[in-house]
Amino acid sequence: MSSVKSMLAFSSGSLRTIQRKLFLAQTRVCPSWRTLFAPRRLWPNPGSGVLINGVRRSTSTAAQAEKGEDYFLKWLLLLIPVTTFGLGTWQVRRREWKLKLIEELKNLTTAEPVPLPNDLMELSSLEYRRVRVRGQYDHSKELYILPRSPVDPEREAREAGRLSSSTETGANVITPFYCTDLGITILVNRGYVPKDKIRPETRTKGQVADEVDVVGVVRLSEHRKPFVPHNNVELNRWHYRDLEVMAKVTGADPIFIDADFDFGEVWMLIEDHGYTESAPTEQRDTSPELQQEAERRYKIHFG
């Protein structure tokens, strides 16, 4: 009897041992069974790597990625002040260049006028230089650069900062001028006239036939800018200064000057209109003697 009990106890112990071994074997084959009894470790394991976005990477790969991000951030932080310093230096130098250019132009346009050279090669280096010529206008071959707006420094000073501007437009009158002392014909920009004064018959007083002295600023040819219309030679509508074509149409040499006048002494007003030739200004009260002197000296009117 005792032997039978010992045999049963041995059998039950052996059965439990076999069941335990089978369970351990099954957990090795299907690790998901272990989650029922023990959670999976998600924290880094120094020996196996780290878990990044659900993908296990080695510790060395993660360190390299972090090092690359730090390297890029350092260069970005260094680039910002360097770029700012470079732009600031460029702006300072650009301002100095502009101030120098303005000063040079001011000196050229206020210097004493010199005789106009008839050598085109020499003339190309004299842009914005004041020159003096004497001769006669040929009003039969006028050209019109348009549209142009009146130049009124006083009005611009008063209306500085306003969104609206003057809507009045007109044209600059370009007239061939025969230089009696040089024997050549040049083109002279006599200045602005309003739209209702573009036709020569509306300003007959300005079609002076006498020989006159003219002081002007040398200007060179222009290239057409983007969005600027092409010149229409047939309709005599010019939008930019193309000296080669203008000279061919009028028979003049490709020499162009903007007429210049002393506005402190001369107020040559268009009749019934408050503008002066070359630089329109508001009409001012001037003595009749001063106006007669201006007419005697220049005899150039758009009235």
Protein backbone atom coordinates (compact mmCIF):
# COMPACT_ATOMS: atom_id res chain seq x y z
CA MET A 1 0.00 0.00 0.00
CA SER A 2 2.77 2.37 0.90
CA SER A 3 4.52 1.57 -2.31
CA VAL A 4 1.44 2.49 -4.28
CA LYS A 5 1.25 5.90 -2.54
CA SER A 6 4.89 6.63 -3.23
CA MET A 7 4.42 5.79 -6.87
CA LEU A 8 1.42 8.15 -7.15
CA ALA A 9 3.32 10.97 -5.42
CA PHE A 10 6.26 10.51 -7.77
CA SER A 11 3.96 10.53 -10.79
CA SER A 12 2.20 13.75 -9.73
CA GLY A 13 5.55 15.45 -9.04
CA SER A 14 6.89 14.40 -12.38
CA LEU A 15 3.74 15.65 -14.09
CA ARG A 16 4.09 19.08 -12.50
CA THR A 17 7.74 19.25 -13.55
CA ILE A 18 6.86 18.34 -17.13
CA GLN A 19 4.07 20.97 -17.25
CA ARG A 20 6.47 23.65 -15.97
CA LYS A 21 9.05 22.83 -18.63
CA LEU A 22 6.40 22.88 -21.40
CA PHE A 23 5.21 26.34 -20.27
CA LEU A 24 8.74 27.74 -20.32
CA ALA A 25 9.33 26.30 -23.76
CA GLN A 26 6.13 27.87 -25.08
CA THR A 27 7.07 31.31 -23.75
CA ARG A 28 10.37 31.12 -25.63
CA VAL A 29 8.55 30.26 -28.87
CA CYS A 30 5.83 32.99 -28.47
CA PRO A 31 7.12 35.87 -26.30
CA SER A 32 3.71 37.56 -26.41
CA TRP A 33 2.49 35.02 -23.83
CA ARG A 34 4.85 36.62 -21.34
CA THR A 35 3.00 39.91 -21.57
CA LEU A 36 0.18 38.28 -19.70
CA PHE A 37 2.45 37.89 -16.71
CA ALA A 38 5.29 40.45 -17.18
CA PRO A 39 5.29 43.80 -19.19
CA ARG A 40 7.79 44.36 -21.96
CA ARG A 41 10.65 46.71 -21.05
CA LEU A 42 10.59 49.91 -23.19
CA TRP A 43 13.35 51.85 -21.45
CA PRO A 44 16.84 51.88 -22.92
CA ASN A 45 19.02 48.94 -22.38
CA PRO A 46 22.73 49.85 -22.33
CA GLY A 47 23.53 46.63 -23.98
CA SER A 48 20.92 46.51 -26.71
CA GLY A 49 20.33 50.20 -27.73
CA VAL A 50 17.43 52.66 -27.49
CA LEU A 51 13.89 52.74 -28.81
CA ILE A 52 13.27 55.83 -31.04
CA ASN A 53 9.84 56.28 -32.66
CA GLY A 54 9.09 52.62 -32.29
CA VAL A 55 12.38 51.61 -33.98
CA ARG A 56 15.21 50.22 -31.95
CA ARG A 57 18.53 51.87 -32.81
CA SER A 58 21.95 51.37 -31.48
CA THR A 59 23.32 53.83 -28.94
CA SER A 60 26.11 54.96 -31.30
CA THR A 61 23.65 55.78 -34.13
CA ALA A 62 21.46 57.88 -31.82
CA ALA A 63 24.49 59.75 -30.53
CA GLN A 64 25.63 60.55 -34.07
CA ALA A 65 22.17 61.87 -35.01
CA GLU A 66 22.04 64.08 -31.93
CA LYS A 67 25.55 65.34 -32.63
CA GLY A 68 24.59 66.25 -36.23
CA GLU A 69 21.58 68.25 -35.04
CA ASP A 70 23.72 70.18 -32.56
CA TYR A 71 26.29 70.88 -35.28
CA PHE A 72 23.63 72.34 -37.62
CA LEU A 73 22.11 74.46 -34.84
CA LYS A 74 25.50 75.93 -33.93
CA TRP A 75 26.18 76.95 -37.54
CA LEU A 76 22.70 78.46 -37.84
CA LEU A 77 23.18 80.55 -34.71
CA LEU A 78 26.56 81.70 -36.02
CA LEU A 79 25.19 82.52 -39.48
CA ILE A 80 22.48 84.91 -38.21
CA PRO A 81 24.79 87.55 -36.65
CA VAL A 82 27.34 87.22 -39.46
CA THR A 83 24.63 87.83 -42.09
CA THR A 84 23.22 90.77 -40.12
CA PHE A 85 26.67 92.32 -39.80
CA GLY A 86 27.34 91.86 -43.51
CA LEU A 87 24.04 93.48 -44.52
CA GLY A 88 24.65 96.38 -42.15
CA THR A 89 28.13 96.96 -43.57
CA TRP A 90 26.76 96.82 -47.12
CA GLN A 91 24.08 99.39 -46.29
CA VAL A 92 26.64 101.76 -44.75
CA ARG A 93 28.92 101.51 -47.78
CA ARG A 94 25.97 101.90 -50.15
CA ARG A 95 24.89 105.04 -48.32
CA GLU A 96 28.41 106.46 -48.52
CA TRP A 97 28.49 105.69 -52.25
CA LYS A 98 25.14 107.41 -52.80
CA LEU A 99 26.15 110.48 -50.81
CA LYS A 100 29.36 110.70 -52.80
CA LEU A 101 27.45 110.33 -56.07
CA ILE A 102 24.97 113.04 -55.06
CA GLU A 103 27.82 115.35 -54.14
CA GLU A 104 29.55 114.72 -57.48
CA LEU A 105 26.34 115.41 -59.42
CA LYS A 106 25.75 118.55 -57.40
CA ASN A 107 29.24 119.80 -58.19
CA LEU A 108 28.80 119.03 -61.89
CA THR A 109 25.40 120.70 -62.22
CA THR A 110 26.43 123.81 -60.28
CA ALA A 111 29.84 124.32 -61.86
CA GLU A 112 30.49 127.12 -64.30
CA PRO A 113 29.40 126.15 -67.83
CA VAL A 114 32.07 125.26 -70.35
CA PRO A 115 31.91 125.49 -74.15
CA LEU A 116 30.28 122.48 -75.75
CA PRO A 117 32.88 120.22 -77.40
CA ASN A 118 31.98 118.86 -80.83
CA ASP A 119 33.96 115.67 -80.25
CA LEU A 120 31.50 112.91 -79.35
CA MET A 121 34.20 110.87 -77.61
CA GLU A 122 34.95 113.77 -75.31
CA LEU A 123 31.26 114.45 -74.79
CA SER A 124 30.59 110.94 -73.50
CA SER A 125 32.55 111.74 -70.34
CA LEU A 126 30.72 115.00 -69.68
CA GLU A 127 27.27 113.76 -68.64
CA TYR A 128 25.63 116.15 -66.16
CA ARG A 129 28.25 118.77 -66.99
CA ARG A 130 26.95 122.26 -67.68
CA VAL A 131 27.80 123.59 -71.14
CA ARG A 132 27.07 126.79 -73.04
CA VAL A 133 25.99 127.07 -76.67
CA ARG A 134 24.80 129.86 -78.94
CA GLY A 135 22.55 129.48 -81.93
CA GLN A 136 19.00 129.23 -83.22
CA TYR A 137 16.10 126.82 -82.68
CA ASP A 138 14.44 124.89 -85.48
CA HIS A 139 10.86 124.70 -84.22
CA SER A 140 9.64 122.82 -87.28
CA LYS A 141 11.18 119.57 -86.01
CA GLU A 142 10.08 119.46 -82.39
CA LEU A 143 9.94 116.13 -80.59
CA TYR A 144 7.80 115.30 -77.56
CA ILE A 145 8.78 112.98 -74.72
CA LEU A 146 5.63 112.00 -72.86
CA PRO A 147 3.91 111.51 -70.60
CA ARG A 148 5.76 113.72 -68.16
CA SER A 149 4.65 115.36 -64.93
CA PRO A 150 5.52 118.88 -63.82
CA VAL A 151 8.53 119.19 -61.55
CA ASP A 152 7.53 121.38 -58.62
CA PRO A 153 9.96 121.14 -55.68
CA GLU A 154 7.86 123.41 -53.48
CA ARG A 155 4.71 121.37 -54.06
CA GLU A 156 6.60 118.15 -53.45
CA ALA A 157 7.87 119.56 -50.15
CA ARG A 158 4.35 120.51 -49.09
CA GLU A 159 2.80 117.21 -50.16
CA ALA A 160 5.59 115.00 -48.84
CA GLY A 161 4.16 111.84 -47.31
CA ARG A 162 0.76 112.12 -48.99
CA LEU A 163 -0.62 109.13 -50.82
CA SER A 164 -2.06 111.21 -53.65
CA SER A 165 0.06 113.08 -56.15
CA SER A 166 -0.47 115.48 -59.00
CA THR A 167 -2.38 113.88 -61.86
CA GLU A 168 -1.44 116.57 -64.37
CA THR A 169 0.64 115.34 -67.27
CA GLY A 170 2.21 116.88 -70.31
CA ALA A 171 5.38 116.53 -72.36
CA ASN A 172 8.96 117.66 -72.58
CA VAL A 173 9.62 119.63 -75.77
CA ILE A 174 12.82 118.62 -77.57
CA THR A 175 13.90 121.16 -80.20
CA PRO A 176 16.84 120.98 -82.65
CA PHE A 177 19.30 123.80 -82.00
CA TYR A 178 21.83 124.94 -84.60
CA CYS A 179 25.06 126.03 -82.90
CA THR A 180 26.39 128.93 -84.95
CA ASP A 181 29.80 128.81 -83.29
CA LEU A 182 30.31 125.07 -83.83
CA GLY A 183 28.41 124.56 -87.08
CA ILE A 184 26.50 121.55 -85.72
CA THR A 185 22.89 120.89 -84.72
CA ILE A 186 22.12 119.45 -81.29
CA LEU A 187 18.93 118.56 -79.42
CA VAL A 188 17.78 120.73 -76.52
CA ASN A 189 15.18 119.72 -73.96
CA ARG A 190 13.43 123.05 -73.46
CA GLY A 191 11.32 121.71 -70.61
CA TYR A 192 7.81 120.75 -69.63
CA VAL A 193 4.56 121.98 -71.12
CA PRO A 194 1.06 120.87 -70.05
CA LYS A 195 -1.06 118.72 -72.30
CA ASP A 196 -3.03 121.65 -73.71
CA LYS A 197 0.22 123.41 -74.71
CA ILE A 198 1.91 120.59 -76.61
CA ARG A 199 0.81 121.81 -80.03
CA PRO A 200 3.15 124.58 -81.25
CA GLU A 201 0.27 126.86 -82.30
CA THR A 202 -0.83 127.09 -78.66
CA ARG A 203 2.49 128.62 -77.61
CA THR A 204 3.55 130.78 -80.55
CA LYS A 205 5.25 133.23 -78.21
CA GLY A 206 7.77 130.53 -77.38
CA GLN A 207 8.78 129.92 -80.97
CA VAL A 208 11.61 132.42 -80.80
CA ALA A 209 13.58 132.82 -84.04
CA ASP A 210 16.39 135.00 -82.72
CA GLU A 211 19.87 133.78 -81.95
CA VAL A 212 20.11 133.00 -78.23
CA ASP A 213 22.56 131.70 -75.65
CA VAL A 214 21.55 128.47 -73.92
CA VAL A 215 23.13 126.83 -70.90
CA GLY A 216 22.30 123.19 -70.38
CA VAL A 217 23.32 119.91 -68.83
CA VAL A 218 24.73 117.18 -71.07
CA ARG A 219 22.67 114.00 -71.14
CA LEU A 220 23.47 110.71 -72.83
CA SER A 221 21.21 108.22 -74.56
CA GLU A 222 18.84 106.00 -72.57
CA HIS A 223 17.99 102.33 -72.86
CA ARG A 224 14.36 101.33 -72.74
CA LYS A 225 13.42 100.14 -69.28
CA PRO A 226 11.07 97.23 -68.60
CA PHE A 227 7.38 98.06 -69.06
CA VAL A 228 8.23 101.33 -70.85
CA PRO A 229 6.47 101.54 -74.25
CA HIS A 230 8.49 101.67 -77.43
CA ASN A 231 8.98 105.03 -79.11
CA ASN A 232 6.51 105.78 -81.90
CA VAL A 233 8.41 107.77 -84.51
CA GLU A 234 5.42 108.12 -86.87
CA LEU A 235 3.21 109.71 -84.18
CA ASN A 236 6.10 111.69 -82.66
CA ARG A 237 5.51 110.05 -79.29
CA TRP A 238 8.75 109.39 -77.44
CA HIS A 239 8.91 107.63 -74.11
CA TYR A 240 12.66 107.53 -73.54
CA ARG A 241 15.73 109.32 -74.86
CA ASP A 242 17.03 107.38 -77.87
CA LEU A 243 19.60 109.79 -79.27
CA GLU A 244 20.51 107.77 -82.33
CA VAL A 245 16.94 107.63 -83.62
CA MET A 246 16.13 111.19 -82.54
CA ALA A 247 19.18 112.49 -84.37
CA LYS A 248 18.25 110.53 -87.48
CA VAL A 249 14.68 111.91 -87.49
CA THR A 250 15.68 115.55 -86.98
CA GLY A 251 18.98 115.55 -88.87
CA ALA A 252 20.86 116.61 -85.75
CA ASP A 253 23.98 115.18 -84.17
CA PRO A 254 23.41 112.74 -81.28
CA ILE A 255 24.11 115.44 -78.70
CA PHE A 256 21.47 116.22 -76.09
CA ILE A 257 21.30 118.83 -73.34
CA ASP A 258 18.65 119.73 -70.76
CA ALA A 259 18.15 123.49 -70.77
CA ASP A 260 19.17 125.06 -67.48
CA PHE A 261 18.11 128.43 -66.11
CA ASP A 262 18.78 130.53 -63.03
CA PHE A 263 15.44 130.32 -61.27
CA GLY A 264 16.48 132.94 -58.73
CA GLU A 265 16.29 135.58 -61.45
CA VAL A 266 14.16 134.21 -64.24
CA TRP A 267 10.43 133.49 -63.95
CA MET A 268 9.47 132.75 -67.57
CA LEU A 269 5.85 131.79 -67.11
CA ILE A 270 3.61 130.13 -69.62
CA GLU A 271 0.79 132.50 -70.46
CA ASP A 272 -2.26 131.83 -68.22
CA HIS A 273 -0.40 128.97 -66.60
CA GLY A 274 1.80 128.85 -63.52
CA TYR A 275 4.81 127.04 -64.85
CA THR A 276 8.30 127.99 -65.89
CA GLU A 277 10.31 126.43 -68.63
CA SER A 278 12.46 123.42 -67.71
CA ALA A 279 11.37 123.27 -64.06
CA PRO A 280 7.75 124.21 -63.42
CA THR A 281 7.07 126.17 -60.24
CA GLU A 282 4.08 127.95 -58.84
CA GLN A 283 3.52 131.43 -60.18
CA ARG A 284 5.13 134.07 -58.00
CA ASP A 285 4.80 137.81 -57.77
CA THR A 286 7.77 139.34 -59.56
CA SER A 287 8.39 142.88 -60.60
CA PRO A 288 7.75 143.84 -64.25
CA GLU A 289 11.36 144.96 -64.51
CA LEU A 290 12.58 141.50 -63.56
CA GLN A 291 10.30 139.82 -66.07
CA GLN A 292 11.40 142.21 -68.82
CA GLU A 293 15.04 141.50 -67.98
CA ALA A 294 14.39 137.77 -68.18
CA GLU A 295 12.69 138.20 -71.54
CA ARG A 296 15.50 140.34 -72.84
CA ARG A 297 18.22 137.94 -71.72
CA TYR A 298 16.71 134.64 -72.84
CA LYS A 299 13.69 135.35 -75.07
CA ILE A 300 12.53 131.79 -74.59
CA HIS A 301 8.86 131.42 -73.60
CA PHE A 302 6.20 128.79 -73.73
CA GLY A 303 3.25 131.17 -73.60
